[in-house]
Amino acid sequence: SGKAGPASCKVVDSHLHVWASPLQQAAEGYPFSPGQEPTLRGDVDFLLECMDEAGVDGALIVQPINHMFDHSLVTSVLKKYPSKFIGCCLANPADDGSGIKQLEHLIVQEKYRAVRFNPNLWPSGQKMTNEVGRSLFAKAGELGAPVGIMVMKGISSYIQEIEELCTDYPATTVIFDHMAFCKPPTNDDEEKAFSSFLNLSRFPQVYVKYSALFRITREAYPYEDTSQLLSRVISSYGANRIMWGSDFPYVVPECGYKGAKEAISHVAGKVAVSSSDLEWILGKTVSQLFQGAWVTP
């Protein structure tokens, strides 16, 4: 990266997506899932430009819903840039259990390092704690792959399922995307939800992505109101269980990629986050969690 200083100070983005460019989709056969065609540019060349401009050294790529369970595009990016990117695959919670073999293949053969649980993809009326969900969750732990959970409807809807999984499978690391979608609380219900999320820090295997600030703020850029969230999450979890993520390319029209990275230092400054804590959040946490990634050969 051309910057002086120890390798431990690498800046790593813990949450972003890439998908095919229209040309690639046509020429190289990376189709989008029907009805999930993106409206934003999200190809790897654009990402690399953005990272370069922002001084970000590496990233964890999360399989995007646009390609659903077809991981071929992300896999091609991981193969092309092995020292820059690692992958988080998408769990397929199909009733027939076929997703368990698929998960094993992606982690063991294709070298994905994490798996995303999106509860909206479970069959209608099913919970993440159903038989398939438990098998996927246990298998991830067995393979040393953290489970990233996207609780888009808010933590309250899923808190019991999550507590149950964390209790029954303590060997599986859990990462909450986007601060579990908690905005700065403005009433008792929101405060209760945020507290229940902070309370999950009692499980030592639970980590937090302080990511996609534009999704958890009530304000315009630089999203200063999220400083209270950050301060409380540091108090509960410690900075060594918190990692920054941009949510590229969704962040680009919001504040730009570079803007997303710069907002972190700005917000952290509002609540006097120490420079050592900031280093954990901007790269050390995720690097420690995914040993051996982002190492220049």
C-alpha atoms as a PDB file:
ATOM      1  CA  SER A   1       0.000   0.000   0.000  1.00  0.00           C
ATOM      2  CA  GLY A   2       3.052   2.254  -0.077  1.00  0.00           C
ATOM      3  CA  LYS A   3       2.421   3.662   3.406  1.00  0.00           C
ATOM      4  CA  ALA A   4       4.981   3.386   6.178  1.00  0.00           C
ATOM      5  CA  GLY A   5       4.139   1.756   9.494  1.00  0.00           C
ATOM      6  CA  PRO A   6       3.479  -1.787  10.666  1.00  0.00           C
ATOM      7  CA  ALA A   7       1.355  -4.170   8.611  1.00  0.00           C
ATOM      8  CA  SER A   8      -1.162  -4.350  11.475  1.00  0.00           C
ATOM      9  CA  CYS A   9      -2.335  -0.844  10.576  1.00  0.00           C
ATOM     10  CA  LYS A  10      -3.846  -1.933   7.295  1.00  0.00           C
ATOM     11  CA  VAL A  11      -7.260  -0.451   6.639  1.00  0.00           C
ATOM     12  CA  VAL A  12      -9.743  -3.192   5.792  1.00  0.00           C
ATOM     13  CA  ASP A  13     -13.360  -2.779   4.734  1.00  0.00           C
ATOM     14  CA  SER A  14     -15.396  -5.536   6.421  1.00  0.00           C
ATOM     15  CA  HIS A  15     -18.526  -5.187   4.310  1.00  0.00           C
ATOM     16  CA  LEU A  16     -19.043  -4.553   0.642  1.00  0.00           C
ATOM     17  CA  HIS A  17     -20.443  -6.162  -2.498  1.00  0.00           C
ATOM     18  CA  VAL A  18     -19.360  -6.583  -6.096  1.00  0.00           C
ATOM     19  CA  TRP A  19     -21.423  -7.723  -9.028  1.00  0.00           C
ATOM     20  CA  ALA A  20     -21.051  -8.130 -12.775  1.00  0.00           C
ATOM     21  CA  SER A  21     -20.819  -5.177 -15.091  1.00  0.00           C
ATOM     22  CA  PRO A  22     -23.359  -5.319 -17.956  1.00  0.00           C
ATOM     23  CA  LEU A  23     -20.557  -6.279 -20.375  1.00  0.00           C
ATOM     24  CA  GLN A  24     -19.288  -9.059 -18.145  1.00  0.00           C
ATOM     25  CA  GLN A  25     -22.785 -10.354 -17.632  1.00  0.00           C
ATOM     26  CA  ALA A  26     -23.284 -10.597 -21.391  1.00  0.00           C
ATOM     27  CA  ALA A  27     -19.838 -11.870 -22.351  1.00  0.00           C
ATOM     28  CA  GLU A  28     -18.797 -14.062 -19.441  1.00  0.00           C
ATOM     29  CA  GLY A  29     -22.133 -15.445 -18.318  1.00  0.00           C
ATOM     30  CA  TYR A  30     -22.601 -13.995 -14.832  1.00  0.00           C
ATOM     31  CA  PRO A  31     -26.398 -13.601 -14.887  1.00  0.00           C
ATOM     32  CA  PHE A  32     -28.320 -11.583 -12.336  1.00  0.00           C
ATOM     33  CA  SER A  33     -31.074 -13.212 -10.362  1.00  0.00           C
ATOM     34  CA  PRO A  34     -34.482 -12.439 -11.986  1.00  0.00           C
ATOM     35  CA  GLY A  35     -35.840  -9.161 -10.595  1.00  0.00           C
ATOM     36  CA  GLN A  36     -32.527  -8.433  -8.849  1.00  0.00           C
ATOM     37  CA  GLU A  37     -30.767  -6.537 -11.638  1.00  0.00           C
ATOM     38  CA  PRO A  38     -28.732  -3.761 -10.000  1.00  0.00           C
ATOM     39  CA  THR A  39     -29.198  -0.101 -10.863  1.00  0.00           C
ATOM     40  CA  LEU A  40     -25.762   0.865  -9.515  1.00  0.00           C
ATOM     41  CA  ARG A  41     -22.311   0.200 -10.885  1.00  0.00           C
ATOM     42  CA  GLY A  42     -20.692  -2.457  -8.686  1.00  0.00           C
ATOM     43  CA  ASP A  43     -17.894  -4.048 -10.699  1.00  0.00           C
ATOM     44  CA  VAL A  44     -14.488  -4.816  -9.186  1.00  0.00           C
ATOM     45  CA  ASP A  45     -12.618  -2.260 -11.314  1.00  0.00           C
ATOM     46  CA  PHE A  46     -14.766   0.530  -9.906  1.00  0.00           C
ATOM     47  CA  LEU A  47     -14.272  -0.865  -6.391  1.00  0.00           C
ATOM     48  CA  LEU A  48     -10.485  -0.955  -6.777  1.00  0.00           C
ATOM     49  CA  GLU A  49     -10.497   2.678  -7.956  1.00  0.00           C
ATOM     50  CA  CYS A  50     -12.558   3.690  -4.912  1.00  0.00           C
ATOM     51  CA  MET A  51     -10.381   1.746  -2.455  1.00  0.00           C
ATOM     52  CA  ASP A  52      -7.243   3.201  -3.944  1.00  0.00           C
ATOM     53  CA  GLU A  53      -8.534   6.758  -3.643  1.00  0.00           C
ATOM     54  CA  ALA A  54      -9.624   6.181  -0.031  1.00  0.00           C
ATOM     55  CA  GLY A  55      -6.454   4.370   1.065  1.00  0.00           C
ATOM     56  CA  VAL A  56      -8.215   1.097   1.880  1.00  0.00           C
ATOM     57  CA  ASP A  57      -5.965  -1.970   1.628  1.00  0.00           C
ATOM     58  CA  GLY A  58      -8.355  -4.919   1.560  1.00  0.00           C
ATOM     59  CA  ALA A  59     -11.944  -6.018   1.978  1.00  0.00           C
ATOM     60  CA  LEU A  60     -14.385  -8.776   2.812  1.00  0.00           C
ATOM     61  CA  ILE A  61     -16.744  -9.200  -0.145  1.00  0.00           C
ATOM     62  CA  VAL A  62     -20.269 -10.283   0.778  1.00  0.00           C
ATOM     63  CA  GLN A  63     -22.120 -12.275  -1.891  1.00  0.00           C
ATOM     64  CA  PRO A  64     -24.785  -9.884  -3.232  1.00  0.00           C
ATOM     65  CA  ILE A  65     -28.474 -10.774  -3.500  1.00  0.00           C
ATOM     66  CA  ASN A  66     -28.242  -9.705  -7.184  1.00  0.00           C
ATOM     67  CA  HIS A  67     -26.501 -12.986  -8.005  1.00  0.00           C
ATOM     68  CA  MET A  68     -28.384 -14.907  -5.250  1.00  0.00           C
ATOM     69  CA  PHE A  69     -26.784 -18.358  -4.748  1.00  0.00           C
ATOM     70  CA  ASP A  70     -24.702 -18.212  -7.932  1.00  0.00           C
ATOM     71  CA  HIS A  71     -21.308 -17.319  -6.455  1.00  0.00           C
ATOM     72  CA  SER A  72     -19.326 -17.513  -9.704  1.00  0.00           C
ATOM     73  CA  LEU A  73     -18.758 -13.760 -10.142  1.00  0.00           C
ATOM     74  CA  VAL A  74     -17.494 -13.202  -6.586  1.00  0.00           C
ATOM     75  CA  THR A  75     -15.401 -16.381  -6.801  1.00  0.00           C
ATOM     76  CA  SER A  76     -13.711 -15.050  -9.953  1.00  0.00           C
ATOM     77  CA  VAL A  77     -12.815 -11.812  -8.122  1.00  0.00           C
ATOM     78  CA  LEU A  78     -11.420 -13.702  -5.105  1.00  0.00           C
ATOM     79  CA  LYS A  79      -9.242 -15.819  -7.411  1.00  0.00           C
ATOM     80  CA  LYS A  80      -7.957 -12.782  -9.290  1.00  0.00           C
ATOM     81  CA  TYR A  81      -7.052 -10.717  -6.193  1.00  0.00           C
ATOM     82  CA  PRO A  82      -6.195 -13.221  -3.438  1.00  0.00           C
ATOM     83  CA  SER A  83      -4.200 -10.816  -1.263  1.00  0.00           C
ATOM     84  CA  LYS A  84      -6.811  -8.046  -1.482  1.00  0.00           C
ATOM     85  CA  PHE A  85     -10.149  -9.791  -0.959  1.00  0.00           C
ATOM     86  CA  ILE A  86     -11.727 -12.599   1.006  1.00  0.00           C
ATOM     87  CA  GLY A  87     -15.323 -13.741   0.572  1.00  0.00           C
ATOM     88  CA  CYS A  88     -18.491 -14.177   2.595  1.00  0.00           C
ATOM     89  CA  CYS A  89     -20.902 -16.551   0.844  1.00  0.00           C
ATOM     90  CA  LEU A  90     -24.695 -16.515   1.127  1.00  0.00           C
ATOM     91  CA  ALA A  91     -26.363 -19.343   3.060  1.00  0.00           C
ATOM     92  CA  ASN A  92     -29.053 -21.153   1.105  1.00  0.00           C
ATOM     93  CA  PRO A  93     -31.699 -22.207   3.649  1.00  0.00           C
ATOM     94  CA  ALA A  94     -33.694 -24.341   1.179  1.00  0.00           C
ATOM     95  CA  ASP A  95     -35.913 -26.928   2.898  1.00  0.00           C
ATOM     96  CA  ASP A  96     -34.160 -29.851   1.209  1.00  0.00           C
ATOM     97  CA  GLY A  97     -30.904 -29.081   3.024  1.00  0.00           C
ATOM     98  CA  SER A  98     -28.938 -28.731  -0.228  1.00  0.00           C
ATOM     99  CA  GLY A  99     -27.461 -25.488   1.098  1.00  0.00           C
ATOM    100  CA  ILE A 100     -25.345 -27.372   3.638  1.00  0.00           C
ATOM    101  CA  LYS A 101     -23.292 -29.143   0.962  1.00  0.00           C
ATOM    102  CA  GLN A 102     -23.116 -25.890  -0.985  1.00  0.00           C
ATOM    103  CA  LEU A 103     -21.777 -24.075   2.089  1.00  0.00           C
ATOM    104  CA  GLU A 104     -19.149 -26.739   2.627  1.00  0.00           C
ATOM    105  CA  HIS A 105     -18.087 -26.548  -1.029  1.00  0.00           C
ATOM    106  CA  LEU A 106     -17.764 -22.744  -0.988  1.00  0.00           C
ATOM    107  CA  ILE A 107     -15.693 -22.719   2.201  1.00  0.00           C
ATOM    108  CA  VAL A 108     -13.520 -25.779   1.627  1.00  0.00           C
ATOM    109  CA  GLN A 109     -13.066 -25.676  -2.170  1.00  0.00           C
ATOM    110  CA  GLU A 110     -13.616 -22.027  -3.097  1.00  0.00           C
ATOM    111  CA  LYS A 111     -11.956 -20.633   0.036  1.00  0.00           C
ATOM    112  CA  TYR A 112     -14.813 -18.403   1.273  1.00  0.00           C
ATOM    113  CA  ARG A 113     -14.080 -17.381   4.870  1.00  0.00           C
ATOM    114  CA  ALA A 114     -17.548 -16.432   6.180  1.00  0.00           C
ATOM    115  CA  VAL A 115     -21.244 -16.967   5.475  1.00  0.00           C
ATOM    116  CA  ARG A 116     -24.191 -14.584   5.479  1.00  0.00           C
ATOM    117  CA  PHE A 117     -27.543 -15.444   7.045  1.00  0.00           C
ATOM    118  CA  ASN A 118     -30.375 -13.402   5.543  1.00  0.00           C
ATOM    119  CA  PRO A 119     -33.509 -14.416   7.494  1.00  0.00           C
ATOM    120  CA  ASN A 120     -35.711 -13.117   4.636  1.00  0.00           C
ATOM    121  CA  LEU A 121     -34.483 -16.017   2.493  1.00  0.00           C
ATOM    122  CA  TRP A 122     -35.790 -18.703   4.857  1.00  0.00           C
ATOM    123  CA  PRO A 123     -38.964 -20.376   3.579  1.00  0.00           C
ATOM    124  CA  SER A 124     -42.065 -18.434   4.589  1.00  0.00           C
ATOM    125  CA  GLY A 125     -42.869 -18.701   8.292  1.00  0.00           C
ATOM    126  CA  GLN A 126     -39.608 -20.523   9.059  1.00  0.00           C
ATOM    127  CA  LYS A 127     -37.051 -19.327  11.610  1.00  0.00           C
ATOM    128  CA  MET A 128     -33.260 -19.360  11.446  1.00  0.00           C
ATOM    129  CA  THR A 129     -33.447 -21.913  14.255  1.00  0.00           C
ATOM    130  CA  ASN A 130     -35.214 -24.497  12.094  1.00  0.00           C
ATOM    131  CA  GLU A 131     -33.411 -27.751  11.319  1.00  0.00           C
ATOM    132  CA  VAL A 132     -31.685 -26.451   8.189  1.00  0.00           C
ATOM    133  CA  GLY A 133     -30.725 -23.210   9.916  1.00  0.00           C
ATOM    134  CA  ARG A 134     -29.180 -25.061  12.834  1.00  0.00           C
ATOM    135  CA  SER A 135     -27.254 -27.357  10.495  1.00  0.00           C
ATOM    136  CA  LEU A 136     -25.913 -24.407   8.501  1.00  0.00           C
ATOM    137  CA  PHE A 137     -24.970 -22.532  11.670  1.00  0.00           C
ATOM    138  CA  ALA A 138     -23.248 -25.558  13.225  1.00  0.00           C
ATOM    139  CA  LYS A 139     -21.438 -26.380   9.953  1.00  0.00           C
ATOM    140  CA  ALA A 140     -20.094 -22.807   9.723  1.00  0.00           C
ATOM    141  CA  GLY A 141     -18.632 -23.135  13.227  1.00  0.00           C
ATOM    142  CA  GLU A 142     -17.132 -26.503  12.404  1.00  0.00           C
ATOM    143  CA  LEU A 143     -15.430 -24.994   9.328  1.00  0.00           C
ATOM    144  CA  GLY A 144     -14.249 -21.910  11.236  1.00  0.00           C
ATOM    145  CA  ALA A 145     -16.396 -19.523   9.185  1.00  0.00           C
ATOM    146  CA  PRO A 146     -18.132 -16.685  11.048  1.00  0.00           C
ATOM    147  CA  VAL A 147     -21.840 -16.165  10.370  1.00  0.00           C
ATOM    148  CA  GLY A 148     -22.790 -12.610   9.408  1.00  0.00           C
ATOM    149  CA  ILE A 149     -26.419 -11.870  10.238  1.00  0.00           C
ATOM    150  CA  MET A 150     -28.424  -9.227   8.421  1.00  0.00           C
ATOM    151  CA  VAL A 151     -31.402  -8.333  10.611  1.00  0.00           C
ATOM    152  CA  MET A 152     -33.022  -5.906   8.193  1.00  0.00           C
ATOM    153  CA  LYS A 153     -36.329  -5.868  10.098  1.00  0.00           C
ATOM    154  CA  GLY A 154     -34.508  -4.937  13.294  1.00  0.00           C
ATOM    155  CA  ILE A 155     -32.946  -6.971  16.082  1.00  0.00           C
ATOM    156  CA  SER A 156     -36.177  -7.378  18.077  1.00  0.00           C
ATOM    157  CA  SER A 157     -37.722  -9.729  15.518  1.00  0.00           C
ATOM    158  CA  TYR A 158     -34.789 -12.138  15.762  1.00  0.00           C
ATOM    159  CA  ILE A 159     -33.307 -11.754  19.243  1.00  0.00           C
ATOM    160  CA  GLN A 160     -34.655 -15.078  20.537  1.00  0.00           C
ATOM    161  CA  GLU A 161     -33.401 -17.029  17.529  1.00  0.00           C
ATOM    162  CA  ILE A 162     -29.982 -15.412  17.809  1.00  0.00           C
ATOM    163  CA  GLU A 163     -29.675 -16.054  21.552  1.00  0.00           C
ATOM    164  CA  GLU A 164     -30.674 -19.659  20.991  1.00  0.00           C
ATOM    165  CA  LEU A 165     -28.085 -20.200  18.239  1.00  0.00           C
ATOM    166  CA  CYS A 166     -25.320 -18.480  20.242  1.00  0.00           C
ATOM    167  CA  THR A 167     -26.160 -20.586  23.292  1.00  0.00           C
ATOM    168  CA  ASP A 168     -26.413 -23.906  21.453  1.00  0.00           C
ATOM    169  CA  TYR A 169     -23.397 -23.434  19.134  1.00  0.00           C
ATOM    170  CA  PRO A 170     -20.776 -21.384  21.003  1.00  0.00           C
ATOM    171  CA  ALA A 171     -18.073 -22.465  18.530  1.00  0.00           C
ATOM    172  CA  THR A 172     -19.706 -20.410  15.756  1.00  0.00           C
ATOM    173  CA  THR A 173     -18.573 -16.796  15.561  1.00  0.00           C
ATOM    174  CA  VAL A 174     -21.373 -14.307  14.824  1.00  0.00           C
ATOM    175  CA  ILE A 175     -21.049 -10.892  13.183  1.00  0.00           C
ATOM    176  CA  PHE A 176     -23.885  -8.362  13.090  1.00  0.00           C
ATOM    177  CA  ASP A 177     -24.090  -6.369   9.876  1.00  0.00           C
ATOM    178  CA  HIS A 178     -24.706  -2.639  10.099  1.00  0.00           C
ATOM    179  CA  MET A 179     -24.916  -2.400  13.889  1.00  0.00           C
ATOM    180  CA  ALA A 180     -27.911  -4.764  13.749  1.00  0.00           C
ATOM    181  CA  PHE A 181     -29.801  -1.950  11.965  1.00  0.00           C
ATOM    182  CA  CYS A 182     -30.126  -0.019  15.251  1.00  0.00           C
ATOM    183  CA  LYS A 183     -30.578   3.718  14.740  1.00  0.00           C
ATOM    184  CA  PRO A 184     -29.922   6.151  17.591  1.00  0.00           C
ATOM    185  CA  PRO A 185     -32.869   5.354  19.898  1.00  0.00           C
ATOM    186  CA  THR A 186     -35.613   7.983  20.144  1.00  0.00           C
ATOM    187  CA  ASN A 187     -38.167   6.074  22.255  1.00  0.00           C
ATOM    188  CA  ASP A 188     -38.439   3.234  24.768  1.00  0.00           C
ATOM    189  CA  ASP A 189     -38.933   0.477  22.206  1.00  0.00           C
ATOM    190  CA  GLU A 190     -35.863   1.521  20.246  1.00  0.00           C
ATOM    191  CA  GLU A 191     -33.841   1.856  23.441  1.00  0.00           C
ATOM    192  CA  LYS A 192     -34.970  -1.613  24.495  1.00  0.00           C
ATOM    193  CA  ALA A 193     -33.965  -3.068  21.111  1.00  0.00           C
ATOM    194  CA  PHE A 194     -30.560  -1.370  21.219  1.00  0.00           C
ATOM    195  CA  SER A 195     -29.976  -2.575  24.782  1.00  0.00           C
ATOM    196  CA  SER A 196     -30.828  -6.143  23.805  1.00  0.00           C
ATOM    197  CA  PHE A 197     -28.259  -5.876  21.012  1.00  0.00           C
ATOM    198  CA  LEU A 198     -25.619  -4.497  23.416  1.00  0.00           C
ATOM    199  CA  ASN A 199     -26.502  -7.301  25.796  1.00  0.00           C
ATOM    200  CA  LEU A 200     -25.478  -9.904  23.196  1.00  0.00           C
ATOM    201  CA  SER A 201     -21.885  -8.866  23.954  1.00  0.00           C
ATOM    202  CA  ARG A 202     -22.103 -11.352  26.838  1.00  0.00           C
ATOM    203  CA  PHE A 203     -21.419 -13.985  24.175  1.00  0.00           C
ATOM    204  CA  PRO A 204     -17.686 -13.631  23.519  1.00  0.00           C
ATOM    205  CA  GLN A 205     -18.115 -14.994  19.988  1.00  0.00           C
ATOM    206  CA  VAL A 206     -20.275 -12.045  18.849  1.00  0.00           C
ATOM    207  CA  TYR A 207     -18.782  -9.224  16.754  1.00  0.00           C
ATOM    208  CA  VAL A 208     -20.257  -6.045  15.273  1.00  0.00           C
ATOM    209  CA  LYS A 209     -19.911  -4.258  11.959  1.00  0.00           C
ATOM    210  CA  TYR A 210     -20.077  -0.502  12.379  1.00  0.00           C
ATOM    211  CA  SER A 211     -20.998  -0.349   8.718  1.00  0.00           C
ATOM    212  CA  ALA A 212     -23.333   1.339   6.242  1.00  0.00           C
ATOM    213  CA  LEU A 213     -23.651   4.397   8.465  1.00  0.00           C
ATOM    214  CA  PHE A 214     -26.145   5.878   6.009  1.00  0.00           C
ATOM    215  CA  ARG A 215     -28.539   3.062   6.989  1.00  0.00           C
ATOM    216  CA  ILE A 216     -28.298   3.663  10.765  1.00  0.00           C
ATOM    217  CA  THR A 217     -28.231   7.457  10.915  1.00  0.00           C
ATOM    218  CA  ARG A 218     -31.122   9.915  11.173  1.00  0.00           C
ATOM    219  CA  GLU A 219     -28.954  12.747   9.843  1.00  0.00           C
ATOM    220  CA  ALA A 220     -27.089  13.879   6.765  1.00  0.00           C
ATOM    221  CA  TYR A 221     -23.406  13.120   6.174  1.00  0.00           C
ATOM    222  CA  PRO A 222     -21.114  12.771   8.165  1.00  0.00           C
ATOM    223  CA  TYR A 223     -23.719  10.927  10.266  1.00  0.00           C
ATOM    224  CA  GLU A 224     -22.607  12.423  13.582  1.00  0.00           C
ATOM    225  CA  ASP A 225     -25.569  11.012  15.493  1.00  0.00           C
ATOM    226  CA  THR A 226     -24.075   7.527  15.095  1.00  0.00           C
ATOM    227  CA  SER A 227     -21.298   8.563  17.508  1.00  0.00           C
ATOM    228  CA  GLN A 228     -23.564   7.688  20.454  1.00  0.00           C
ATOM    229  CA  LEU A 229     -24.153   4.232  18.978  1.00  0.00           C
ATOM    230  CA  LEU A 230     -20.413   3.784  18.499  1.00  0.00           C
ATOM    231  CA  SER A 231     -19.581   4.918  22.006  1.00  0.00           C
ATOM    232  CA  ARG A 232     -22.064   2.493  23.581  1.00  0.00           C
ATOM    233  CA  VAL A 233     -21.022  -0.396  21.369  1.00  0.00           C
ATOM    234  CA  ILE A 234     -17.365   0.154  22.304  1.00  0.00           C
ATOM    235  CA  SER A 235     -18.367   0.145  25.994  1.00  0.00           C
ATOM    236  CA  SER A 236     -20.203  -3.182  25.612  1.00  0.00           C
ATOM    237  CA  TYR A 237     -18.148  -5.079  23.056  1.00  0.00           C
ATOM    238  CA  GLY A 238     -14.733  -3.415  23.088  1.00  0.00           C
ATOM    239  CA  ALA A 239     -13.156  -2.027  19.911  1.00  0.00           C
ATOM    240  CA  ASN A 240     -11.496  -5.410  19.258  1.00  0.00           C
ATOM    241  CA  ARG A 241     -14.932  -6.834  18.405  1.00  0.00           C
ATOM    242  CA  ILE A 242     -15.987  -3.938  16.136  1.00  0.00           C
ATOM    243  CA  MET A 243     -15.131  -3.460  12.464  1.00  0.00           C
ATOM    244  CA  TRP A 244     -15.845  -0.754   9.930  1.00  0.00           C
ATOM    245  CA  GLY A 245     -17.589  -1.524   6.641  1.00  0.00           C
ATOM    246  CA  SER A 246     -18.620   0.732   3.771  1.00  0.00           C
ATOM    247  CA  ASP A 247     -21.464  -1.196   2.112  1.00  0.00           C
ATOM    248  CA  PHE A 248     -20.083  -0.384  -1.348  1.00  0.00           C
ATOM    249  CA  PRO A 249     -21.571   0.197  -3.906  1.00  0.00           C
ATOM    250  CA  TYR A 250     -24.762   1.304  -2.101  1.00  0.00           C
ATOM    251  CA  VAL A 251     -22.694   3.909  -0.244  1.00  0.00           C
ATOM    252  CA  VAL A 252     -21.425   5.584  -3.417  1.00  0.00           C
ATOM    253  CA  PRO A 253     -24.537   7.699  -4.172  1.00  0.00           C
ATOM    254  CA  GLU A 254     -24.928   8.403  -0.423  1.00  0.00           C
ATOM    255  CA  CYS A 255     -21.570   9.967   0.467  1.00  0.00           C
ATOM    256  CA  GLY A 256     -19.002   8.403  -1.842  1.00  0.00           C
ATOM    257  CA  TYR A 257     -16.639   5.589  -0.886  1.00  0.00           C
ATOM    258  CA  LYS A 258     -13.877   7.865   0.390  1.00  0.00           C
ATOM    259  CA  GLY A 259     -16.476   9.840   2.325  1.00  0.00           C
ATOM    260  CA  ALA A 260     -17.612   6.658   4.084  1.00  0.00           C
ATOM    261  CA  LYS A 261     -14.092   5.970   5.312  1.00  0.00           C
ATOM    262  CA  GLU A 262     -13.515   9.578   6.377  1.00  0.00           C
ATOM    263  CA  ALA A 263     -16.776   9.682   8.340  1.00  0.00           C
ATOM    264  CA  ILE A 264     -15.428   7.054  10.751  1.00  0.00           C
ATOM    265  CA  SER A 265     -12.603   9.219  12.085  1.00  0.00           C
ATOM    266  CA  HIS A 266     -14.939  12.187  12.223  1.00  0.00           C
ATOM    267  CA  VAL A 267     -17.620  10.359  14.200  1.00  0.00           C
ATOM    268  CA  ALA A 268     -15.038   8.684  16.455  1.00  0.00           C
ATOM    269  CA  GLY A 269     -13.600  12.127  17.228  1.00  0.00           C
ATOM    270  CA  LYS A 270     -16.978  13.271  18.565  1.00  0.00           C
ATOM    271  CA  VAL A 271     -16.830  10.695  21.372  1.00  0.00           C
ATOM    272  CA  ALA A 272     -13.065  10.692  21.963  1.00  0.00           C
ATOM    273  CA  VAL A 273     -12.391   7.179  20.634  1.00  0.00           C
ATOM    274  CA  SER A 274      -8.694   6.444  21.236  1.00  0.00           C
ATOM    275  CA  SER A 275      -6.378   6.094  18.251  1.00  0.00           C
ATOM    276  CA  SER A 276      -5.713   2.492  19.245  1.00  0.00           C
ATOM    277  CA  ASP A 277      -9.462   1.724  19.312  1.00  0.00           C
ATOM    278  CA  LEU A 278      -9.814   3.387  15.918  1.00  0.00           C
ATOM    279  CA  GLU A 279      -7.073   1.121  14.535  1.00  0.00           C
ATOM    280  CA  TRP A 280      -8.991  -1.935  15.721  1.00  0.00           C
ATOM    281  CA  ILE A 281     -12.188  -0.664  14.105  1.00  0.00           C
ATOM    282  CA  LEU A 282     -10.535   0.280  10.803  1.00  0.00           C
ATOM    283  CA  GLY A 283      -8.696  -2.984  10.265  1.00  0.00           C
ATOM    284  CA  LYS A 284      -7.186  -4.874  13.178  1.00  0.00           C
ATOM    285  CA  THR A 285     -10.410  -6.556  14.348  1.00  0.00           C
ATOM    286  CA  VAL A 286     -11.257  -7.987  10.957  1.00  0.00           C
ATOM    287  CA  SER A 287      -7.625  -8.971  10.285  1.00  0.00           C
ATOM    288  CA  GLN A 288      -7.433 -10.829  13.575  1.00  0.00           C
ATOM    289  CA  LEU A 289     -10.747 -12.559  12.945  1.00  0.00           C
ATOM    290  CA  PHE A 290      -9.646 -13.728   9.481  1.00  0.00           C
ATOM    291  CA  GLN A 291      -6.082 -14.797  10.180  1.00  0.00           C
ATOM    292  CA  GLY A 292      -3.825 -14.926   7.156  1.00  0.00           C
ATOM    293  CA  ALA A 293      -5.979 -12.663   4.987  1.00  0.00           C
ATOM    294  CA  TRP A 294      -4.715  -9.373   3.504  1.00  0.00           C
ATOM    295  CA  VAL A 295      -1.121 -10.433   3.883  1.00  0.00           C
ATOM    296  CA  THR A 296       1.106  -9.314   1.063  1.00  0.00           C
ATOM    297  CA  PRO A 297       3.007 -12.362  -0.138  1.00  0.00           C
END
